[in-house]
Protein backbone atom coordinates (compact mmCIF):
# COMPACT_ATOMS: atom_id res chain seq x y z
CA MET A 1 2.86 -13.71 -14.13
CA THR A 2 4.06 -14.60 -10.62
CA ASP A 3 6.20 -17.67 -10.02
CA ASP A 4 4.26 -19.99 -7.70
CA ARG A 5 7.43 -21.80 -6.70
CA LEU A 6 7.59 -19.16 -3.96
CA ILE A 7 5.19 -19.83 -1.10
CA VAL A 8 4.88 -16.92 1.32
CA ALA A 9 4.33 -18.10 4.90
CA LEU A 10 1.68 -15.98 6.59
CA ASP A 11 3.02 -16.77 10.06
CA LEU A 12 0.92 -14.11 11.75
CA PRO A 13 -1.39 -14.25 14.78
CA ASN A 14 -4.75 -13.93 13.04
CA ALA A 15 -6.62 -13.78 9.77
CA LEU A 16 -6.97 -10.00 9.77
CA GLU A 17 -3.20 -9.51 9.89
CA GLY A 18 -2.76 -12.27 7.31
CA LEU A 19 -5.20 -10.67 4.91
CA GLU A 20 -3.59 -7.26 5.37
CA MET A 21 -0.18 -8.76 4.54
CA ALA A 22 -1.55 -10.51 1.45
CA GLU A 23 -3.08 -7.23 0.29
CA ARG A 24 0.26 -5.42 0.78
CA ILE A 25 2.01 -8.06 -1.31
CA GLY A 26 -0.72 -7.96 -3.95
CA ASP A 27 -0.08 -9.78 -7.21
CA ALA A 28 3.62 -10.31 -6.45
CA ALA A 29 2.77 -13.67 -4.80
CA SER A 30 0.25 -16.30 -5.83
CA PHE A 31 0.85 -19.00 -3.20
CA TYR A 32 0.50 -18.67 0.58
CA LYS A 33 1.12 -20.94 3.56
CA ILE A 34 -1.19 -20.77 6.56
CA GLY A 35 0.05 -22.67 9.58
CA LEU A 36 -0.96 -24.02 12.94
CA GLY A 37 -0.18 -20.74 14.70
CA MET A 38 -3.12 -19.07 12.99
CA LEU A 39 -5.58 -21.94 13.39
CA THR A 40 -7.42 -20.38 16.33
CA GLY A 41 -7.14 -16.92 14.78
CA GLY A 42 -9.29 -17.62 11.74
CA GLY A 43 -6.70 -19.46 9.66
CA LEU A 44 -9.17 -21.70 7.83
CA ALA A 45 -11.43 -18.75 7.06
CA LEU A 46 -8.45 -16.83 5.64
CA ALA A 47 -7.39 -19.85 3.59
CA ASN A 48 -10.86 -20.07 2.09
CA GLU A 49 -11.03 -16.31 1.40
CA LEU A 50 -7.63 -16.17 -0.28
CA LYS A 51 -8.50 -19.23 -2.38
CA GLN A 52 -12.06 -18.43 -3.37
CA GLU A 53 -12.06 -14.62 -3.53
CA HIS A 54 -8.47 -13.80 -4.46
CA GLY A 55 -7.53 -16.81 -6.58
CA LYS A 56 -4.46 -17.71 -4.54
CA ARG A 57 -3.06 -21.19 -4.07
CA ILE A 58 -3.03 -22.31 -0.43
CA PHE A 59 -0.71 -24.55 1.54
CA LEU A 60 -2.29 -25.50 4.87
CA ASP A 61 0.56 -26.44 7.18
CA MET A 62 -1.08 -28.41 9.99
CA LYS A 63 1.47 -31.25 10.36
CA LEU A 64 -1.29 -33.66 11.36
CA PHE A 65 -0.38 -36.63 13.52
CA ASP A 66 -2.85 -39.01 15.17
CA ILE A 67 -4.36 -42.45 14.76
CA GLY A 68 -5.32 -43.28 11.19
CA ALA A 69 -9.08 -42.89 11.55
CA THR A 70 -8.73 -39.43 13.10
CA VAL A 71 -6.29 -38.24 10.44
CA GLU A 72 -8.55 -39.55 7.68
CA ARG A 73 -11.59 -37.69 9.05
CA ALA A 74 -9.62 -34.48 9.55
CA VAL A 75 -8.21 -34.56 6.03
CA ARG A 76 -11.60 -35.32 4.51
CA GLY A 77 -12.97 -32.19 6.17
CA ILE A 78 -10.03 -30.05 5.05
CA ALA A 79 -10.29 -31.39 1.50
CA GLY A 80 -13.76 -29.84 1.28
CA PHE A 81 -12.17 -26.37 1.25
CA GLY A 82 -10.56 -26.99 -2.13
CA LEU A 83 -7.06 -26.10 -0.95
CA ASP A 84 -3.81 -27.17 -2.60
CA PHE A 85 -1.27 -28.58 -0.10
CA LEU A 86 -1.63 -30.09 3.38
CA THR A 87 1.14 -31.34 5.65
CA VAL A 88 1.07 -34.45 7.82
CA HIS A 89 3.87 -36.15 9.70
CA GLY A 90 5.78 -38.57 7.51
CA ASP A 91 4.97 -41.78 9.39
CA PRO A 92 3.63 -44.19 6.75
CA GLN A 93 0.38 -44.98 8.58
CA VAL A 94 -0.38 -41.25 8.88
CA VAL A 95 0.35 -40.68 5.19
CA ARG A 96 -1.88 -43.56 4.10
CA ALA A 97 -4.76 -42.27 6.21
CA ALA A 98 -4.32 -38.75 4.85
CA ARG A 99 -4.37 -39.98 1.26
CA GLU A 100 -7.58 -41.86 2.00
CA GLY A 101 -9.12 -38.71 3.42
CA ALA A 102 -8.04 -36.56 0.48
CA GLY A 103 -9.50 -38.98 -2.03
CA GLU A 104 -9.61 -37.54 -5.55
CA THR A 105 -10.10 -33.92 -4.47
CA GLY A 106 -6.76 -32.65 -5.75
CA LEU A 107 -5.45 -31.86 -2.26
CA LYS A 108 -1.75 -32.76 -2.23
CA ILE A 109 -0.50 -34.53 0.89
CA LEU A 110 3.02 -33.50 1.87
CA ALA A 111 4.91 -35.50 4.47
CA VAL A 112 7.15 -33.83 7.04
CA THR A 113 10.52 -35.57 7.30
CA ILE A 114 12.53 -33.78 10.03
CA LEU A 115 11.65 -30.20 10.97
CA THR A 116 14.18 -27.69 9.65
CA SER A 117 14.53 -26.20 13.14
CA LEU A 118 16.06 -29.48 14.44
CA ASP A 119 19.59 -30.81 14.39
CA ARG A 120 21.20 -34.05 15.58
CA ALA A 121 21.27 -32.90 19.22
CA ASP A 122 17.50 -32.34 19.06
CA LEU A 123 16.98 -35.83 17.66
CA ASP A 124 19.06 -37.26 20.50
CA ALA A 125 16.90 -35.43 23.04
CA ALA A 126 13.78 -36.89 21.38
CA LEU A 127 15.26 -40.43 21.46
CA ILE A 128 15.35 -40.64 17.65
CA ARG A 129 17.67 -43.41 16.49
CA GLU A 130 21.34 -42.76 15.90
CA GLY A 131 22.66 -41.84 12.49
CA ALA A 132 23.28 -38.82 10.32
CA LEU A 133 20.30 -36.50 10.21
CA GLU A 134 20.50 -36.37 6.41
CA ASP A 135 20.25 -40.17 6.18
CA ILE A 136 17.20 -40.22 8.44
CA VAL A 137 15.51 -37.52 6.38
CA GLN A 138 16.18 -39.45 3.18
CA GLU A 139 14.82 -42.69 4.62
CA ARG A 140 11.69 -41.01 6.03
CA ALA A 141 11.09 -39.33 2.68
CA ALA A 142 11.33 -42.62 0.81
CA ARG A 143 8.96 -44.39 3.20
CA ALA A 144 6.44 -41.54 3.10
CA MET A 145 6.40 -41.50 -0.69
CA GLU A 146 6.04 -45.28 -0.78
CA ALA A 147 2.98 -44.81 1.46
CA GLY A 148 1.45 -42.43 -1.07
CA ALA A 149 2.63 -38.93 -0.18
CA HIS A 150 2.45 -36.54 -3.13
CA GLY A 151 5.67 -35.01 -1.85
CA VAL A 152 7.72 -34.14 1.19
CA ILE A 153 8.79 -31.20 3.31
CA ALA A 154 12.53 -31.14 3.78
CA SER A 155 15.35 -28.69 4.30
CA PRO A 156 17.15 -27.40 1.20
CA ARG A 157 20.24 -29.24 2.36
CA GLU A 158 18.51 -32.59 1.86
CA ALA A 159 16.60 -31.71 -1.32
CA ALA A 160 19.17 -33.05 -3.77
CA ALA A 161 19.46 -36.41 -1.98
CA ILE A 162 15.68 -36.77 -1.87
CA ARG A 163 15.35 -35.80 -5.53
CA ALA A 164 17.75 -38.62 -6.39
CA LEU A 165 15.53 -41.26 -4.75
CA PRO A 166 13.68 -43.59 -7.15
CA GLU A 167 10.52 -42.96 -5.11
CA ALA A 168 10.80 -39.19 -5.77
CA ALA A 169 10.01 -39.39 -9.47
CA GLY A 170 7.02 -37.14 -10.10
CA ARG A 171 6.78 -36.12 -6.43
CA LEU A 172 7.03 -32.65 -4.90
CA ILE A 173 9.81 -31.34 -2.69
CA VAL A 174 8.86 -28.26 -0.66
CA THR A 175 11.60 -26.56 1.31
CA PRO A 176 11.16 -24.27 4.31
CA GLY A 177 14.25 -22.89 6.00
CA VAL A 178 14.92 -20.67 2.98
CA ARG A 179 16.49 -17.28 3.57
CA PRO A 180 17.34 -14.69 0.91
CA ALA A 181 21.02 -13.86 0.61
CA GLY A 182 22.11 -11.87 3.68
CA ALA A 183 19.00 -12.60 5.77
CA ALA A 184 19.26 -13.73 9.40
CA PRO A 185 18.63 -17.47 9.96
CA GLY A 186 16.29 -16.94 12.95
CA ASP A 187 15.43 -20.28 14.58
CA GLN A 188 16.19 -22.32 11.46
CA LYS A 189 19.31 -24.50 11.59
CA ARG A 190 19.41 -26.03 8.09
CA ILE A 191 18.97 -23.18 5.64
CA ALA A 192 19.81 -22.13 2.08
CA THR A 193 19.13 -19.25 -0.27
CA PRO A 194 16.21 -19.43 -2.74
CA ALA A 195 18.56 -20.06 -5.66
CA GLU A 196 20.39 -22.82 -3.77
CA ALA A 197 17.12 -24.55 -2.84
CA ILE A 198 15.79 -24.50 -6.41
CA ALA A 199 19.13 -25.69 -7.78
CA ALA A 200 19.07 -28.58 -5.28
CA GLY A 201 15.77 -29.83 -6.67
CA ALA A 202 13.05 -28.06 -4.68
CA ASP A 203 9.76 -27.52 -6.49
CA HIS A 204 8.60 -24.86 -4.04
CA ILE A 205 10.35 -22.78 -1.38
CA VAL A 206 8.68 -21.35 1.72
CA VAL A 207 9.72 -17.94 3.00
CA GLY A 208 8.15 -16.16 5.96
CA ARG A 209 9.99 -13.73 8.21
CA PRO A 210 12.20 -12.11 5.55
CA VAL A 211 8.95 -11.02 3.86
CA LEU A 212 6.77 -10.38 6.91
CA THR A 213 9.33 -8.20 8.69
CA ALA A 214 10.39 -6.22 5.63
CA ASP A 215 9.57 -2.52 5.43
CA ASP A 216 8.16 -3.28 1.96
CA PRO A 217 6.89 -6.90 1.84
CA ARG A 218 5.97 -6.65 -1.85
CA ALA A 219 9.50 -5.56 -2.75
CA ALA A 220 10.91 -8.38 -0.62
CA VAL A 221 8.78 -10.91 -2.52
CA LEU A 222 9.88 -9.51 -5.87
CA ASN A 223 13.53 -9.76 -4.81
CA ILE A 224 13.05 -13.42 -3.91
CA GLN A 225 11.31 -14.02 -7.23
CA ARG A 226 14.39 -12.60 -8.95
CA GLU A 227 16.64 -14.95 -6.95
CA ILE A 228 14.49 -17.90 -8.09
CA ALA A 229 14.64 -16.76 -11.70
CA ALA A 230 18.42 -16.45 -11.46
CA ALA A 231 18.64 -20.11 -10.40
CA ASN A 232 17.17 -21.13 -13.77
CA ARG A 233 19.85 -19.20 -15.61
């Protein structure tokens, strides 16, 4: 049985390439992320096919951000696909609207704290208030969960601090920016290995390029699964 704590990010241009990758991986992975980059390339159709025809769990990573009424309508439409996770930005009004749109469908709303590709210099350029990045992530996570988020997206480096929050009891922590031991960081700035992320309190880890660029993606997934299993020991 595959460990669904690993979410494979199908960060590919279109649904055909995404489906081909999922077929190469086969039963080694049971949970996939489909993001904004594939939206115009059949991403929703692929999400539905992997869910309904292949029995996979699906994380739709759209990072929605708009006025409340628009977010609510968008989430209500997405909830009709029967998917598992959906990301929105962690602003409380966005989270509340997303929860309203999801209703009782079982779609889990995950709030983005600070993107794992950003550091303090990036926050300065975006006119985000002063302070340690880790403190801002922790505060945004708490406010998002207070607003009703089922969980948050955060870097592995902040997972332990978020897990310690009173608001985090029973909530999910999903960590991108995870790289197997020895893998290149790419454009991620706050990274950890799979074992480190799980040990820090992550419920799920998201891994893309180390799988997608591997000569044998299935073997790469199985290696990551072994790293996750080792964290439990």
